[in-house]
C-alpha cells in the first residue's frame, strides 16, 4: 500500500518505468496520496478502516515488515487506534512468519473469533496461503501491491480486487457478512 521511493520526479520516473500505459500511470498517480517522507498511500486506508470499524470489524495487521515501519505507517496515517492487533516479522517466536498455520490460528485466538469469520486481505501468494492455512472465511487478493490477479487467483484467493478502497466493502457484502 505504501511506496517508500523518493519523492518528486525520481519517484514518478521510477513508477512510469513500471507502468507503461500512460493513461493507467495517470490514474495511479491521481489515486496516490502523499503522506510525507517520500511515502505515497495507494488506497484510502484511513477511510476504509473507519468504515470497517463502523461495521464492527476488528482489524489485525500481519506483515513481514518490521515493527518500526508499521508503527510509522500507523502514526503517519492516524489509524493506530483503529488497529486492534499487529503481528510483524519482528514480533518474536510466538508468531512465525506467514504463511504459518500457527500464526493464522493464534490470530483467531487473540480475537476469540472463529476462523470462518475472518477476512484476510493480502497482495502476495504467501498472504493468500496464510488465509487458506488459517481456513479463513474469505481470502481476498488485492492487486495494489506485489501480486498480479493471476498469481493471487492461482494461489487460491476467493476474490481478487484491483482497488481495496472502493471494492472491499462490496466484496464483503457479497461474500462474507451483510452490512
Protein backbone atom coordinates (compact mmCIF):
# COMPACT_ATOMS: atom_id res chain seq x y z
CA UNK A 1 0.00 0.00 0.00
CA UNK A 2 2.84 2.39 0.71
CA UNK A 3 5.75 3.10 -1.61
CA UNK A 4 8.89 4.46 0.00
CA UNK A 5 10.53 5.56 -3.22
CA UNK A 6 11.94 9.08 -3.40
CA UNK A 7 9.55 11.94 -3.96
CA UNK A 8 9.25 14.20 -6.96
CA UNK A 9 10.44 13.35 -10.45
CA UNK A 10 12.57 10.42 -9.22
CA UNK A 11 9.52 8.64 -7.81
CA UNK A 12 7.34 9.36 -10.81
CA UNK A 13 10.08 8.30 -13.24
CA UNK A 14 10.57 5.01 -11.40
CA UNK A 15 6.85 4.33 -11.34
CA UNK A 16 6.46 5.31 -15.00
CA UNK A 17 9.01 2.63 -15.96
CA UNK A 18 6.86 0.04 -14.22
CA UNK A 19 3.54 1.33 -15.59
CA UNK A 20 3.99 1.71 -19.31
CA UNK A 21 0.40 2.64 -20.13
CA UNK A 22 0.28 6.47 -19.81
CA UNK A 23 -3.43 6.55 -19.00
CA UNK A 24 -3.06 3.96 -16.23
CA UNK A 25 0.01 5.78 -14.89
CA UNK A 26 -2.06 8.98 -14.60
CA UNK A 27 -4.84 7.05 -12.85
CA UNK A 28 -2.36 5.58 -10.36
CA UNK A 29 -0.72 8.93 -9.67
CA UNK A 30 -4.12 10.60 -9.23
CA UNK A 31 -5.16 7.96 -6.70
CA UNK A 32 -1.96 8.28 -4.67
CA UNK A 33 -1.93 10.47 -1.62
CA UNK A 34 1.41 11.82 -0.45
CA UNK A 35 1.72 11.15 3.27
CA UNK A 36 5.17 12.64 3.84
CA UNK A 37 8.76 11.45 3.84
CA UNK A 38 8.51 10.16 0.28
CA UNK A 39 5.64 7.80 1.07
CA UNK A 40 2.54 7.53 -1.07
CA UNK A 41 -0.65 5.82 0.05
CA UNK A 42 -2.19 3.84 -2.81
CA UNK A 43 -5.51 3.27 -1.05
CA UNK A 44 -7.55 5.37 1.30
CA UNK A 45 -6.75 3.14 4.26
CA UNK A 46 -7.99 5.58 6.95
CA UNK A 47 -11.46 5.80 5.37
CA UNK A 48 -11.55 2.05 4.72
CA UNK A 49 -10.57 1.25 8.31
CA UNK A 50 -13.15 3.72 9.64
CA UNK A 51 -15.86 2.04 7.56
CA UNK A 52 -14.83 -1.41 8.77
CA UNK A 53 -14.85 -0.27 12.40
CA UNK A 54 -18.29 1.32 11.94
CA UNK A 55 -19.50 -2.16 10.94
CA UNK A 56 -17.92 -3.79 13.99
CA UNK A 57 -14.98 -5.44 12.25
CA UNK A 58 -11.79 -5.94 14.24
CA UNK A 59 -8.63 -5.11 12.32
CA UNK A 60 -5.37 -7.02 12.61
CA UNK A 61 -2.23 -6.47 10.57
CA UNK A 62 0.01 -9.46 9.85
CA UNK A 63 3.04 -8.26 7.91
CA UNK A 64 6.59 -9.19 7.01
CA UNK A 65 7.56 -5.57 7.74
CA UNK A 66 9.41 -4.59 10.90
CA UNK A 67 7.71 -3.08 13.95
CA UNK A 68 9.25 0.36 13.35
CA UNK A 69 7.93 0.58 9.78
CA UNK A 70 4.44 -0.47 10.81
CA UNK A 71 4.44 1.96 13.74
CA UNK A 72 5.42 4.79 11.42
CA UNK A 73 2.71 3.83 8.90
CA UNK A 74 0.02 3.68 11.60
CA UNK A 75 1.08 7.01 13.10
CA UNK A 76 1.57 8.82 9.77
CA UNK A 77 -1.96 7.86 8.70
CA UNK A 78 -3.63 8.41 12.06
CA UNK A 79 -5.01 4.87 12.17
CA UNK A 80 -3.22 3.38 15.17
CA UNK A 81 -6.40 3.49 17.28
CA UNK A 82 -8.31 1.57 14.58
CA UNK A 83 -5.95 -1.40 14.52
CA UNK A 84 -6.67 -3.98 17.20
CA UNK A 85 -3.65 -6.23 16.76
CA UNK A 86 -0.33 -6.13 14.89
CA UNK A 87 1.86 -9.11 14.05
CA UNK A 88 5.17 -8.10 12.44
CA UNK A 89 8.17 -10.07 11.24
CA UNK A 90 9.96 -8.85 14.36
CA UNK A 91 7.13 -9.81 16.75
CA UNK A 92 9.01 -12.83 18.03
CA UNK A 93 8.68 -16.59 18.07
CA UNK A 94 5.03 -16.61 19.18
CA UNK A 95 4.09 -15.60 15.64
CA UNK A 96 6.11 -17.44 12.99
CA UNK A 97 6.13 -15.71 9.57
CA UNK A 98 3.33 -16.10 7.06
CA UNK A 99 2.06 -18.48 5.80
CA UNK A 100 2.40 -20.30 9.13
CA UNK A 101 -0.77 -22.04 10.23
CA UNK A 102 0.41 -21.43 13.81
CA UNK A 103 0.21 -17.66 13.34
CA UNK A 104 -3.07 -17.88 11.43
CA UNK A 105 -4.59 -19.84 14.32
CA UNK A 106 -3.13 -17.57 17.00
CA UNK A 107 -4.66 -14.52 15.37
CA UNK A 108 -8.08 -16.13 15.77
CA UNK A 109 -7.34 -16.94 19.40
CA UNK A 110 -6.20 -13.34 20.07
CA UNK A 111 -9.63 -12.11 18.95
CA UNK A 112 -11.69 -15.04 20.12
CA UNK A 113 -13.14 -15.33 16.64
CA UNK A 114 -13.95 -18.42 14.60
CA UNK A 115 -11.77 -18.98 11.54
CA UNK A 116 -14.75 -18.82 9.20
CA UNK A 117 -15.50 -15.27 10.41
CA UNK A 118 -12.06 -13.93 9.44
CA UNK A 119 -11.48 -11.93 6.26
CA UNK A 120 -7.85 -11.98 5.11
CA UNK A 121 -6.67 -9.36 2.62
CA UNK A 122 -3.26 -9.74 1.03
CA UNK A 123 -1.23 -8.80 -2.02
CA UNK A 124 1.08 -11.84 -2.33
CA UNK A 125 0.56 -15.55 -2.88
CA UNK A 126 2.10 -16.06 0.58
CA UNK A 127 -0.63 -13.86 2.08
CA UNK A 128 -3.27 -15.91 0.28
CA UNK A 129 -1.72 -19.15 1.55
CA UNK A 130 -1.75 -17.70 5.07
CA UNK A 131 -5.51 -17.13 4.83
CA UNK A 132 -6.09 -20.58 3.36
CA UNK A 133 -3.89 -22.22 6.01
CA UNK A 134 -5.96 -20.45 8.65
CA UNK A 135 -9.17 -21.72 6.99
CA UNK A 136 -10.41 -18.14 6.99
CA UNK A 137 -13.93 -17.46 5.74
CA UNK A 138 -12.91 -15.04 3.00
CA UNK A 139 -9.43 -14.72 1.48
CA UNK A 140 -9.14 -11.58 -0.63
CA UNK A 141 -6.29 -10.89 -3.03
CA UNK A 142 -5.61 -7.26 -3.88
CA UNK A 143 -3.52 -6.22 -6.89
CA UNK A 144 -2.40 -2.87 -5.47
CA UNK A 145 0.81 -4.46 -4.24
CA UNK A 146 3.17 -7.19 -5.39
CA UNK A 147 0.89 -9.90 -6.78
CA UNK A 148 -0.92 -9.98 -10.09
CA UNK A 149 -4.55 -11.03 -10.36
CA UNK A 150 -3.42 -14.30 -11.97
CA UNK A 151 -0.90 -15.02 -9.19
CA UNK A 152 -3.41 -14.31 -6.43
CA UNK A 153 -6.17 -16.29 -8.10
CA UNK A 154 -3.83 -19.23 -8.75
CA UNK A 155 -2.77 -19.12 -5.10
CA UNK A 156 -6.42 -19.72 -4.15
CA UNK A 157 -7.86 -16.28 -3.33
CA UNK A 158 -11.64 -16.45 -3.04
CA UNK A 159 -11.90 -12.95 -4.52
CA UNK A 160 -9.34 -10.75 -6.29
CA UNK A 161 -9.78 -6.97 -6.19
CA UNK A 162 -7.95 -4.24 -8.08
CA UNK A 163 -8.89 -1.44 -5.69
CA UNK A 164 -9.13 -2.06 -1.98
CA UNK A 165 -10.65 1.31 -1.12
CA UNK A 166 -13.71 1.05 -3.35
CA UNK A 167 -14.11 -2.71 -3.79
CA UNK A 168 -13.56 -4.32 -0.37
CA UNK A 169 -16.87 -3.26 1.20
CA UNK A 170 -18.94 -4.53 -1.78
CA UNK A 171 -16.94 -7.79 -1.72
CA UNK A 172 -17.68 -8.19 1.99
CA UNK A 173 -21.35 -7.54 1.34
CA UNK A 174 -21.43 -10.16 -1.39
CA UNK A 175 -19.16 -12.85 0.03
CA UNK A 176 -18.92 -12.50 3.80
CA UNK A 177 -21.48 -10.94 6.07
CA UNK A 178 -24.05 -8.30 5.28
CA UNK A 179 -23.52 -4.73 6.35
